[in-house]
N, C-alpha and C. Protein backbone atom coordinates (compact mmCIF):
# COMPACT_ATOMS: atom_id res chain seq x y z
N MET A 1 42.12 26.43 52.64
CA MET A 1 41.56 27.71 53.00
C MET A 1 42.52 28.32 54.05
N THR A 2 42.94 29.51 53.77
CA THR A 2 43.83 30.26 54.72
C THR A 2 42.99 30.76 55.87
N SER A 3 43.63 31.19 56.96
CA SER A 3 42.90 31.78 58.09
C SER A 3 42.22 33.05 57.72
N ALA A 4 42.81 33.79 56.76
CA ALA A 4 42.16 35.03 56.33
C ALA A 4 40.84 34.65 55.51
N ASP A 5 40.91 33.63 54.70
CA ASP A 5 39.72 33.18 53.95
C ASP A 5 38.63 32.69 54.93
N ALA A 6 39.08 31.94 55.94
CA ALA A 6 38.12 31.41 56.92
C ALA A 6 37.47 32.57 57.71
N SER A 7 38.26 33.59 58.00
CA SER A 7 37.72 34.74 58.75
C SER A 7 36.71 35.51 57.90
N GLN A 8 37.04 35.67 56.59
CA GLN A 8 36.13 36.35 55.67
C GLN A 8 34.80 35.58 55.51
N ALA A 9 34.94 34.20 55.32
CA ALA A 9 33.77 33.36 55.21
C ALA A 9 32.90 33.46 56.43
N ALA A 10 33.52 33.49 57.62
CA ALA A 10 32.71 33.53 58.82
C ALA A 10 31.97 34.82 58.98
N SER A 11 32.54 35.88 58.45
CA SER A 11 31.83 37.23 58.56
C SER A 11 30.92 37.53 57.45
N SER A 12 30.96 36.73 56.33
CA SER A 12 30.04 36.96 55.20
C SER A 12 28.66 36.51 55.53
N PRO A 13 27.66 37.23 55.02
CA PRO A 13 26.28 36.80 55.30
C PRO A 13 26.03 35.48 54.66
N ALA A 14 25.21 34.70 55.28
CA ALA A 14 24.84 33.34 54.74
C ALA A 14 24.09 33.54 53.42
N VAL A 15 24.38 32.65 52.47
CA VAL A 15 23.68 32.72 51.24
C VAL A 15 22.29 32.10 51.43
N PRO A 16 21.22 32.84 51.07
CA PRO A 16 19.88 32.22 51.32
C PRO A 16 19.71 30.96 50.48
N ALA A 17 18.95 30.04 51.04
CA ALA A 17 18.70 28.83 50.26
C ALA A 17 17.94 29.11 49.02
N ALA A 18 18.09 28.27 48.06
CA ALA A 18 17.34 28.38 46.81
C ALA A 18 15.85 28.32 47.12
N ASP A 19 15.05 29.07 46.33
CA ASP A 19 13.65 29.00 46.46
C ASP A 19 13.17 27.52 46.27
N PRO A 20 12.31 27.04 47.12
CA PRO A 20 11.78 25.70 46.89
C PRO A 20 10.81 25.75 45.67
N PRO A 21 10.52 24.58 45.14
CA PRO A 21 9.50 24.54 44.01
C PRO A 21 8.18 25.16 44.54
N ALA A 22 7.48 25.81 43.64
CA ALA A 22 6.23 26.46 43.99
C ALA A 22 5.19 25.40 44.33
N VAL A 23 4.42 25.65 45.41
CA VAL A 23 3.31 24.78 45.73
C VAL A 23 2.06 25.35 45.02
N PRO A 24 1.34 24.47 44.34
CA PRO A 24 0.17 25.00 43.64
C PRO A 24 -0.76 25.78 44.61
N PRO A 25 -1.24 26.90 44.21
CA PRO A 25 -2.13 27.70 45.09
C PRO A 25 -3.38 26.93 45.44
N GLU A 26 -3.87 27.18 46.65
CA GLU A 26 -5.10 26.61 47.09
C GLU A 26 -6.25 27.36 46.42
N THR A 27 -7.07 26.67 45.64
CA THR A 27 -8.19 27.30 44.99
C THR A 27 -9.55 26.76 45.44
N LYS A 28 -9.56 25.76 46.28
CA LYS A 28 -10.85 25.23 46.81
C LYS A 28 -11.52 26.22 47.73
N ASP A 29 -12.80 26.28 47.65
CA ASP A 29 -13.60 27.03 48.60
C ASP A 29 -14.02 25.97 49.66
N TRP A 30 -13.41 26.02 50.84
CA TRP A 30 -13.58 25.00 51.91
C TRP A 30 -14.79 25.38 52.79
N THR A 31 -15.55 26.41 52.49
CA THR A 31 -16.64 26.82 53.40
C THR A 31 -17.67 25.73 53.63
N TRP A 32 -17.78 24.74 52.71
CA TRP A 32 -18.71 23.66 52.90
C TRP A 32 -18.46 22.82 54.11
N VAL A 33 -17.25 22.86 54.69
CA VAL A 33 -16.95 22.09 55.90
C VAL A 33 -17.73 22.59 57.10
N ILE A 34 -18.30 23.73 57.00
CA ILE A 34 -19.12 24.23 58.11
C ILE A 34 -20.38 23.34 58.33
N GLU A 35 -20.81 22.73 57.22
CA GLU A 35 -21.99 21.93 57.27
C GLU A 35 -21.81 20.47 57.13
N LYS A 36 -20.73 20.01 56.54
CA LYS A 36 -20.49 18.58 56.25
C LYS A 36 -19.12 18.11 56.75
N PRO A 37 -18.99 16.84 57.09
CA PRO A 37 -17.68 16.40 57.48
C PRO A 37 -16.69 16.40 56.33
N CYS A 38 -15.41 16.58 56.62
CA CYS A 38 -14.39 16.53 55.63
C CYS A 38 -14.04 15.09 55.31
N PRO A 39 -14.15 14.61 54.03
CA PRO A 39 -13.86 13.29 53.74
C PRO A 39 -12.37 12.92 53.82
N GLU A 40 -11.54 13.92 53.87
CA GLU A 40 -10.10 13.67 53.90
C GLU A 40 -9.64 13.51 55.34
N CYS A 41 -9.79 14.51 56.17
CA CYS A 41 -9.35 14.49 57.55
C CYS A 41 -10.29 13.89 58.53
N GLY A 42 -11.58 13.81 58.16
CA GLY A 42 -12.61 13.22 58.98
C GLY A 42 -13.28 14.14 59.99
N LEU A 43 -12.82 15.37 60.10
CA LEU A 43 -13.40 16.25 61.06
C LEU A 43 -14.81 16.70 60.65
N ASP A 44 -15.72 16.73 61.53
CA ASP A 44 -17.10 17.13 61.29
C ASP A 44 -17.39 18.36 62.18
N PRO A 45 -17.00 19.59 61.71
CA PRO A 45 -17.21 20.74 62.60
C PRO A 45 -18.63 20.96 63.00
N ALA A 46 -19.60 20.68 62.18
CA ALA A 46 -21.00 20.91 62.46
C ALA A 46 -21.45 20.10 63.66
N ALA A 47 -20.82 18.95 63.94
CA ALA A 47 -21.23 18.11 65.02
C ALA A 47 -20.66 18.52 66.39
N LEU A 48 -19.77 19.52 66.39
CA LEU A 48 -19.09 19.92 67.61
C LEU A 48 -19.90 20.98 68.31
N ALA A 49 -19.72 21.03 69.63
CA ALA A 49 -20.20 22.13 70.42
C ALA A 49 -19.21 23.28 70.27
N PHE A 50 -19.63 24.50 70.32
CA PHE A 50 -18.73 25.65 70.14
C PHE A 50 -17.57 25.56 71.19
N ASP A 51 -17.90 25.14 72.39
CA ASP A 51 -16.86 25.07 73.42
C ASP A 51 -15.82 24.04 73.10
N ASP A 52 -16.08 23.08 72.23
CA ASP A 52 -15.07 22.11 71.85
C ASP A 52 -13.94 22.64 70.98
N VAL A 53 -14.23 23.74 70.29
CA VAL A 53 -13.24 24.27 69.34
C VAL A 53 -11.91 24.57 69.99
N ALA A 54 -11.95 25.36 71.09
CA ALA A 54 -10.69 25.69 71.76
C ALA A 54 -9.97 24.49 72.27
N THR A 55 -10.74 23.49 72.83
CA THR A 55 -10.12 22.30 73.40
C THR A 55 -9.45 21.49 72.30
N LEU A 56 -10.10 21.34 71.20
CA LEU A 56 -9.52 20.56 70.07
C LEU A 56 -8.36 21.27 69.41
N LEU A 57 -8.43 22.60 69.33
CA LEU A 57 -7.27 23.38 68.84
C LEU A 57 -6.02 23.08 69.69
N LEU A 58 -6.17 23.22 71.00
CA LEU A 58 -5.03 23.03 71.93
C LEU A 58 -4.53 21.59 71.98
N ALA A 59 -5.40 20.64 71.67
CA ALA A 59 -5.08 19.24 71.77
C ALA A 59 -3.95 18.88 70.72
N ASP A 60 -3.84 19.67 69.62
CA ASP A 60 -2.87 19.31 68.57
C ASP A 60 -1.51 19.99 68.83
N VAL A 61 -1.42 20.95 69.76
CA VAL A 61 -0.15 21.65 69.97
C VAL A 61 1.00 20.71 70.36
N PRO A 62 0.81 19.74 71.26
CA PRO A 62 1.95 18.86 71.52
C PRO A 62 2.40 18.07 70.30
N GLY A 63 1.47 17.71 69.42
CA GLY A 63 1.84 17.03 68.18
C GLY A 63 2.67 17.88 67.28
N TRP A 64 2.35 19.15 67.19
CA TRP A 64 3.14 20.11 66.40
C TRP A 64 4.52 20.21 67.02
N ARG A 65 4.61 20.26 68.30
CA ARG A 65 5.92 20.36 68.95
C ARG A 65 6.75 19.13 68.61
N ARG A 66 6.17 17.96 68.66
CA ARG A 66 6.89 16.70 68.27
C ARG A 66 7.37 16.74 66.87
N VAL A 67 6.52 17.16 65.92
CA VAL A 67 6.83 17.21 64.49
C VAL A 67 7.97 18.16 64.28
N LEU A 68 7.95 19.29 64.94
CA LEU A 68 8.98 20.31 64.78
C LEU A 68 10.25 20.07 65.52
N ALA A 69 10.23 19.13 66.45
CA ALA A 69 11.45 18.86 67.25
C ALA A 69 12.59 18.30 66.43
N GLU A 70 12.27 17.58 65.39
CA GLU A 70 13.27 17.02 64.49
C GLU A 70 13.43 17.95 63.35
N ALA A 71 14.28 18.94 63.46
CA ALA A 71 14.41 20.04 62.52
C ALA A 71 14.59 19.60 61.07
N ASP A 72 15.49 18.66 60.86
CA ASP A 72 15.75 18.21 59.47
C ASP A 72 14.48 17.59 58.82
N ALA A 73 13.87 16.72 59.64
CA ALA A 73 12.61 16.05 59.06
C ALA A 73 11.55 17.12 58.90
N ALA A 74 11.47 18.09 59.75
CA ALA A 74 10.42 19.14 59.69
C ALA A 74 10.61 20.00 58.42
N ARG A 75 11.80 20.14 57.95
CA ARG A 75 12.08 20.96 56.81
C ARG A 75 11.89 20.18 55.46
N ARG A 76 11.75 18.91 55.57
CA ARG A 76 11.74 18.03 54.34
C ARG A 76 10.35 17.97 53.81
N ARG A 77 10.20 18.31 52.52
CA ARG A 77 8.95 18.14 51.85
C ARG A 77 8.68 16.74 51.43
N PRO A 78 7.50 16.18 51.65
CA PRO A 78 7.18 14.83 51.22
C PRO A 78 7.25 14.65 49.69
N GLN A 79 6.90 15.76 49.00
CA GLN A 79 6.98 15.87 47.57
C GLN A 79 7.36 17.26 47.23
N PRO A 80 8.07 17.48 46.08
CA PRO A 80 8.53 18.82 45.85
C PRO A 80 7.46 19.96 45.90
N GLN A 81 6.27 19.67 45.55
CA GLN A 81 5.20 20.68 45.51
C GLN A 81 4.16 20.53 46.62
N VAL A 82 4.62 19.92 47.74
CA VAL A 82 3.76 19.81 48.96
C VAL A 82 4.57 20.40 50.07
N TRP A 83 3.93 21.27 50.84
CA TRP A 83 4.59 21.90 51.96
C TRP A 83 5.23 20.87 52.92
N SER A 84 6.34 21.26 53.50
CA SER A 84 6.94 20.48 54.60
C SER A 84 6.15 20.73 55.86
N PRO A 85 6.39 19.80 56.87
CA PRO A 85 5.74 20.05 58.15
C PRO A 85 6.03 21.43 58.73
N LEU A 86 7.23 21.93 58.51
CA LEU A 86 7.58 23.31 58.93
C LEU A 86 6.72 24.37 58.27
N GLU A 87 6.56 24.24 56.99
CA GLU A 87 5.70 25.19 56.22
C GLU A 87 4.27 25.09 56.67
N TYR A 88 3.80 23.88 56.93
CA TYR A 88 2.40 23.75 57.41
C TYR A 88 2.30 24.41 58.79
N ALA A 89 3.28 24.18 59.64
CA ALA A 89 3.25 24.74 60.99
C ALA A 89 3.23 26.30 60.94
N CYS A 90 4.00 26.88 60.04
CA CYS A 90 3.99 28.31 59.92
C CYS A 90 2.60 28.79 59.48
N HIS A 91 2.02 28.07 58.54
CA HIS A 91 0.69 28.41 58.09
C HIS A 91 -0.34 28.30 59.23
N VAL A 92 -0.29 27.25 60.01
CA VAL A 92 -1.23 27.07 61.13
C VAL A 92 -1.05 28.22 62.14
N ARG A 93 0.17 28.53 62.42
CA ARG A 93 0.50 29.68 63.32
C ARG A 93 -0.19 30.94 62.81
N ASP A 94 -0.03 31.24 61.49
CA ASP A 94 -0.59 32.43 60.93
C ASP A 94 -2.04 32.39 60.86
N VAL A 95 -2.65 31.19 60.63
CA VAL A 95 -4.12 31.03 60.57
C VAL A 95 -4.65 31.34 61.96
N CYS A 96 -4.04 30.86 63.02
CA CYS A 96 -4.47 31.20 64.38
C CYS A 96 -4.49 32.71 64.61
N ARG A 97 -3.43 33.37 64.18
CA ARG A 97 -3.34 34.82 64.37
C ARG A 97 -4.40 35.54 63.52
N LEU A 98 -4.54 35.14 62.30
CA LEU A 98 -5.53 35.79 61.40
C LEU A 98 -6.94 35.62 61.87
N PHE A 99 -7.32 34.35 62.19
CA PHE A 99 -8.73 34.16 62.62
C PHE A 99 -9.00 34.74 64.00
N ARG A 100 -8.00 34.87 64.83
CA ARG A 100 -8.23 35.59 66.09
C ARG A 100 -8.55 37.09 65.81
N ALA A 101 -7.81 37.65 64.89
CA ALA A 101 -8.05 39.05 64.48
C ALA A 101 -9.45 39.18 63.87
N ARG A 102 -9.81 38.26 63.03
CA ARG A 102 -11.12 38.31 62.36
C ARG A 102 -12.27 38.14 63.39
N MET A 103 -12.06 37.22 64.29
CA MET A 103 -13.10 37.01 65.32
C MET A 103 -13.22 38.20 66.20
N THR A 104 -12.12 38.82 66.54
CA THR A 104 -12.13 40.08 67.36
C THR A 104 -12.90 41.18 66.64
N LEU A 105 -12.67 41.27 65.32
CA LEU A 105 -13.48 42.28 64.53
C LEU A 105 -14.95 41.96 64.61
N MET A 106 -15.33 40.69 64.50
CA MET A 106 -16.73 40.30 64.52
C MET A 106 -17.34 40.63 65.90
N LEU A 107 -16.57 40.48 66.90
CA LEU A 107 -17.08 40.71 68.28
C LEU A 107 -17.19 42.19 68.64
N THR A 108 -16.40 43.01 67.91
CA THR A 108 -16.39 44.46 68.28
C THR A 108 -16.96 45.34 67.22
N GLN A 109 -17.19 44.85 66.01
CA GLN A 109 -17.77 45.69 64.95
C GLN A 109 -18.97 45.02 64.38
N ASP A 110 -19.81 45.82 63.74
CA ASP A 110 -21.03 45.23 63.09
C ASP A 110 -20.69 44.81 61.66
N ASP A 111 -20.82 43.49 61.42
CA ASP A 111 -20.66 42.93 60.09
C ASP A 111 -19.35 43.40 59.36
N PRO A 112 -18.19 43.21 59.94
CA PRO A 112 -16.99 43.68 59.29
C PRO A 112 -16.63 42.91 58.01
N LEU A 113 -15.97 43.59 57.15
CA LEU A 113 -15.42 42.98 55.87
C LEU A 113 -13.94 42.70 56.19
N PHE A 114 -13.53 41.43 56.01
CA PHE A 114 -12.16 41.07 56.34
C PHE A 114 -11.24 41.44 55.18
N ALA A 115 -10.06 41.90 55.59
CA ALA A 115 -8.97 42.17 54.57
C ALA A 115 -8.63 40.86 53.90
N ASN A 116 -8.27 40.92 52.67
CA ASN A 116 -7.82 39.74 51.93
C ASN A 116 -6.50 39.21 52.55
N TRP A 117 -6.31 37.90 52.43
CA TRP A 117 -5.05 37.30 52.81
C TRP A 117 -4.76 36.23 51.81
N ASP A 118 -3.61 36.34 51.20
CA ASP A 118 -3.13 35.33 50.22
C ASP A 118 -2.14 34.42 50.96
N GLN A 119 -2.64 33.29 51.38
CA GLN A 119 -1.82 32.34 52.15
C GLN A 119 -0.60 31.88 51.38
N ASP A 120 -0.78 31.66 50.07
CA ASP A 120 0.34 31.18 49.29
C ASP A 120 1.45 32.19 49.16
N ALA A 121 0.99 33.42 48.90
CA ALA A 121 2.02 34.51 48.80
C ALA A 121 2.72 34.70 50.13
N THR A 122 2.03 34.61 51.24
CA THR A 122 2.63 34.81 52.56
C THR A 122 3.69 33.68 52.77
N ALA A 123 3.40 32.50 52.36
CA ALA A 123 4.35 31.40 52.55
C ALA A 123 5.66 31.67 51.86
N VAL A 124 5.58 32.21 50.65
CA VAL A 124 6.76 32.57 49.83
C VAL A 124 7.46 33.79 50.41
N GLU A 125 6.72 34.86 50.64
CA GLU A 125 7.28 36.15 51.13
C GLU A 125 7.93 35.97 52.49
N GLU A 126 7.30 35.20 53.37
CA GLU A 126 7.81 35.04 54.74
C GLU A 126 8.84 33.91 54.83
N ARG A 127 9.07 33.24 53.72
CA ARG A 127 10.04 32.15 53.61
C ARG A 127 9.80 31.11 54.77
N TYR A 128 8.59 30.58 54.73
CA TYR A 128 8.20 29.57 55.71
C TYR A 128 9.29 28.44 55.74
N ASP A 129 9.82 28.15 54.58
CA ASP A 129 10.75 27.05 54.52
C ASP A 129 12.08 27.29 55.27
N LEU A 130 12.39 28.51 55.53
CA LEU A 130 13.60 28.90 56.19
C LEU A 130 13.46 29.23 57.68
N GLN A 131 12.28 29.25 58.21
CA GLN A 131 12.10 29.55 59.59
C GLN A 131 12.58 28.47 60.50
N GLU A 132 12.88 28.88 61.72
CA GLU A 132 13.47 27.94 62.71
C GLU A 132 12.34 27.11 63.36
N PRO A 133 12.40 25.78 63.15
CA PRO A 133 11.29 24.98 63.71
C PRO A 133 11.03 25.14 65.22
N ALA A 134 12.06 25.27 66.02
CA ALA A 134 11.81 25.45 67.46
C ALA A 134 11.13 26.80 67.78
N VAL A 135 11.49 27.79 67.02
CA VAL A 135 10.83 29.12 67.18
C VAL A 135 9.34 28.99 66.71
N VAL A 136 9.14 28.38 65.60
CA VAL A 136 7.80 28.23 65.06
C VAL A 136 6.92 27.42 66.06
N ALA A 137 7.53 26.36 66.68
CA ALA A 137 6.76 25.59 67.62
C ALA A 137 6.25 26.48 68.77
N ASP A 138 7.14 27.31 69.29
CA ASP A 138 6.70 28.25 70.37
C ASP A 138 5.69 29.26 69.87
N GLU A 139 5.85 29.82 68.69
CA GLU A 139 4.96 30.80 68.13
C GLU A 139 3.58 30.16 67.85
N LEU A 140 3.55 28.93 67.34
CA LEU A 140 2.33 28.28 67.07
C LEU A 140 1.56 28.02 68.39
N ALA A 141 2.26 27.56 69.40
CA ALA A 141 1.65 27.30 70.69
C ALA A 141 1.06 28.63 71.28
N GLU A 142 1.80 29.71 71.17
CA GLU A 142 1.38 30.96 71.66
C GLU A 142 0.12 31.46 70.94
N ALA A 143 0.16 31.34 69.58
CA ALA A 143 -0.97 31.77 68.78
C ALA A 143 -2.21 30.94 69.03
N ALA A 144 -2.02 29.62 69.24
CA ALA A 144 -3.14 28.72 69.52
C ALA A 144 -3.73 29.04 70.89
N GLN A 145 -2.88 29.33 71.88
CA GLN A 145 -3.38 29.68 73.25
C GLN A 145 -4.16 31.00 73.16
N ALA A 146 -3.63 31.97 72.38
CA ALA A 146 -4.34 33.28 72.28
C ALA A 146 -5.71 33.10 71.62
N MET A 147 -5.77 32.24 70.55
CA MET A 147 -7.03 31.98 69.86
C MET A 147 -8.01 31.24 70.81
N ALA A 148 -7.47 30.31 71.52
CA ALA A 148 -8.32 29.57 72.48
C ALA A 148 -8.91 30.50 73.52
N GLY A 149 -8.11 31.41 73.98
CA GLY A 149 -8.60 32.43 74.92
C GLY A 149 -9.75 33.26 74.36
N THR A 150 -9.57 33.67 73.12
CA THR A 150 -10.62 34.46 72.44
C THR A 150 -11.89 33.60 72.32
N LEU A 151 -11.74 32.41 71.90
CA LEU A 151 -12.90 31.50 71.70
C LEU A 151 -13.61 31.27 73.06
N ARG A 152 -12.82 31.08 74.12
CA ARG A 152 -13.47 30.77 75.42
C ARG A 152 -14.12 31.96 76.03
N ALA A 153 -13.81 33.15 75.57
CA ALA A 153 -14.46 34.37 76.05
C ALA A 153 -15.76 34.70 75.36
N VAL A 154 -16.07 34.02 74.21
CA VAL A 154 -17.30 34.27 73.48
C VAL A 154 -18.49 33.72 74.28
N THR A 155 -19.52 34.50 74.34
CA THR A 155 -20.77 34.11 75.03
C THR A 155 -21.81 33.72 73.99
N PRO A 156 -22.77 32.81 74.38
CA PRO A 156 -23.73 32.35 73.45
C PRO A 156 -24.51 33.43 72.66
N ASP A 157 -24.72 34.56 73.34
CA ASP A 157 -25.46 35.64 72.65
C ASP A 157 -24.61 36.28 71.56
N GLN A 158 -23.28 35.97 71.47
CA GLN A 158 -22.43 36.50 70.42
C GLN A 158 -22.27 35.54 69.23
N TYR A 159 -22.72 34.34 69.36
CA TYR A 159 -22.50 33.35 68.29
C TYR A 159 -23.01 33.79 66.95
N ALA A 160 -24.04 34.55 66.89
CA ALA A 160 -24.66 34.95 65.58
C ALA A 160 -24.05 36.21 65.01
N ARG A 161 -23.10 36.82 65.69
CA ARG A 161 -22.53 38.06 65.14
C ARG A 161 -21.87 37.79 63.78
N PRO A 162 -22.17 38.65 62.72
CA PRO A 162 -21.66 38.32 61.43
C PRO A 162 -20.35 39.01 61.04
N GLY A 163 -19.81 38.52 59.96
CA GLY A 163 -18.57 39.03 59.30
C GLY A 163 -18.55 38.41 57.93
N ARG A 164 -17.75 38.98 57.06
CA ARG A 164 -17.74 38.45 55.63
C ARG A 164 -16.35 38.64 55.01
N ARG A 165 -16.10 37.79 54.04
CA ARG A 165 -14.86 37.90 53.22
C ARG A 165 -15.25 38.64 52.00
N SER A 166 -14.24 39.18 51.30
CA SER A 166 -14.47 39.98 50.08
C SER A 166 -15.03 39.19 48.97
N ASN A 167 -14.91 37.87 49.00
CA ASN A 167 -15.45 36.98 47.91
C ASN A 167 -16.91 36.75 48.15
N GLY A 168 -17.52 37.32 49.19
CA GLY A 168 -18.95 37.13 49.47
C GLY A 168 -19.28 36.08 50.49
N SER A 169 -18.31 35.31 50.94
CA SER A 169 -18.58 34.30 51.98
C SER A 169 -18.92 34.98 53.24
N ARG A 170 -20.04 34.55 53.82
CA ARG A 170 -20.54 35.16 55.06
C ARG A 170 -20.39 34.17 56.20
N PHE A 171 -20.00 34.68 57.34
CA PHE A 171 -19.79 33.85 58.51
C PHE A 171 -20.50 34.47 59.70
N THR A 172 -20.75 33.66 60.72
CA THR A 172 -21.08 34.10 62.05
C THR A 172 -19.89 33.74 62.93
N VAL A 173 -19.92 34.26 64.17
CA VAL A 173 -18.83 33.86 65.10
C VAL A 173 -18.76 32.34 65.22
N ASP A 174 -19.97 31.73 65.31
CA ASP A 174 -20.04 30.28 65.38
C ASP A 174 -19.43 29.56 64.18
N THR A 175 -19.86 29.99 63.01
CA THR A 175 -19.44 29.25 61.77
C THR A 175 -17.95 29.52 61.48
N ILE A 176 -17.46 30.72 61.76
CA ILE A 176 -16.06 30.98 61.50
C ILE A 176 -15.16 30.17 62.43
N ALA A 177 -15.62 29.96 63.69
CA ALA A 177 -14.82 29.12 64.61
C ALA A 177 -14.71 27.71 64.09
N ARG A 178 -15.81 27.17 63.52
CA ARG A 178 -15.81 25.81 62.97
C ARG A 178 -14.95 25.71 61.73
N TYR A 179 -15.09 26.72 60.85
CA TYR A 179 -14.28 26.80 59.63
C TYR A 179 -12.78 26.86 60.02
N PHE A 180 -12.48 27.71 60.93
CA PHE A 180 -11.08 27.85 61.45
C PHE A 180 -10.59 26.50 61.99
N LEU A 181 -11.33 25.83 62.79
CA LEU A 181 -10.91 24.62 63.41
C LEU A 181 -10.57 23.52 62.28
N HIS A 182 -11.45 23.52 61.32
CA HIS A 182 -11.14 22.55 60.23
C HIS A 182 -9.82 22.89 59.55
N ASP A 183 -9.54 24.09 59.30
CA ASP A 183 -8.33 24.51 58.67
C ASP A 183 -7.12 23.98 59.41
N VAL A 184 -7.06 24.24 60.71
CA VAL A 184 -5.91 23.82 61.46
C VAL A 184 -5.90 22.31 61.67
N ALA A 185 -7.07 21.71 61.90
CA ALA A 185 -7.13 20.27 62.09
C ALA A 185 -6.72 19.53 60.79
N HIS A 186 -7.11 20.01 59.68
CA HIS A 186 -6.78 19.41 58.42
C HIS A 186 -5.27 19.38 58.21
N HIS A 187 -4.60 20.44 58.61
CA HIS A 187 -3.15 20.46 58.49
C HIS A 187 -2.47 19.59 59.47
N SER A 188 -3.07 19.39 60.65
CA SER A 188 -2.56 18.40 61.58
C SER A 188 -2.65 17.02 60.94
N TRP A 189 -3.69 16.78 60.24
CA TRP A 189 -3.89 15.49 59.52
C TRP A 189 -2.80 15.42 58.42
N ASP A 190 -2.60 16.53 57.69
CA ASP A 190 -1.63 16.51 56.60
C ASP A 190 -0.25 16.04 57.04
N VAL A 191 0.14 16.40 58.29
CA VAL A 191 1.49 16.07 58.73
C VAL A 191 1.55 14.86 59.64
N GLY A 192 0.39 14.19 59.84
CA GLY A 192 0.35 12.96 60.61
C GLY A 192 0.15 13.11 62.09
N ILE A 193 -0.25 14.27 62.53
CA ILE A 193 -0.51 14.44 63.97
C ILE A 193 -1.87 13.81 64.36
N ARG A 194 -2.85 13.90 63.43
CA ARG A 194 -4.20 13.28 63.70
C ARG A 194 -4.27 11.99 62.99
């Protein structure tokens, strides 16, 4: 390679990585975890006090930092159609952001209808597989802290405030917090943090 070739290569934009194999879309309705323990990850959201949700959410943040600290391992999928730890971390970050927004709606509006969110499309469109693990670790920690702050500001008289998804699933502030915690805790289990 001549010095001119090297100079041109250095100034050329990086070629994006090939699309990873598609991960089968999540089709399960997980709302049952509000009432029963999850047989996979073992979390029993119904057995928790509301105040435990923020504490348990933040307890996993150091584990996510450890998982994401080894960038190459974090990018590696355990199987072609299973998210890598990095992809799971991006999802958990976005779940914290989304559920904080939903809970804020429930606390400030009467029975809001949540906008749809396609988690699988977001993973592809946002290229979770190409994000920087160190950046994602910081963003996940920040999103978890923000969600924990929202949870800790909820008062018992607000637990019953309602909200709903477009598919008809109805939540209260209390049940959506438990549903949310299972989502993030289950993914901590997926990557070996729990």
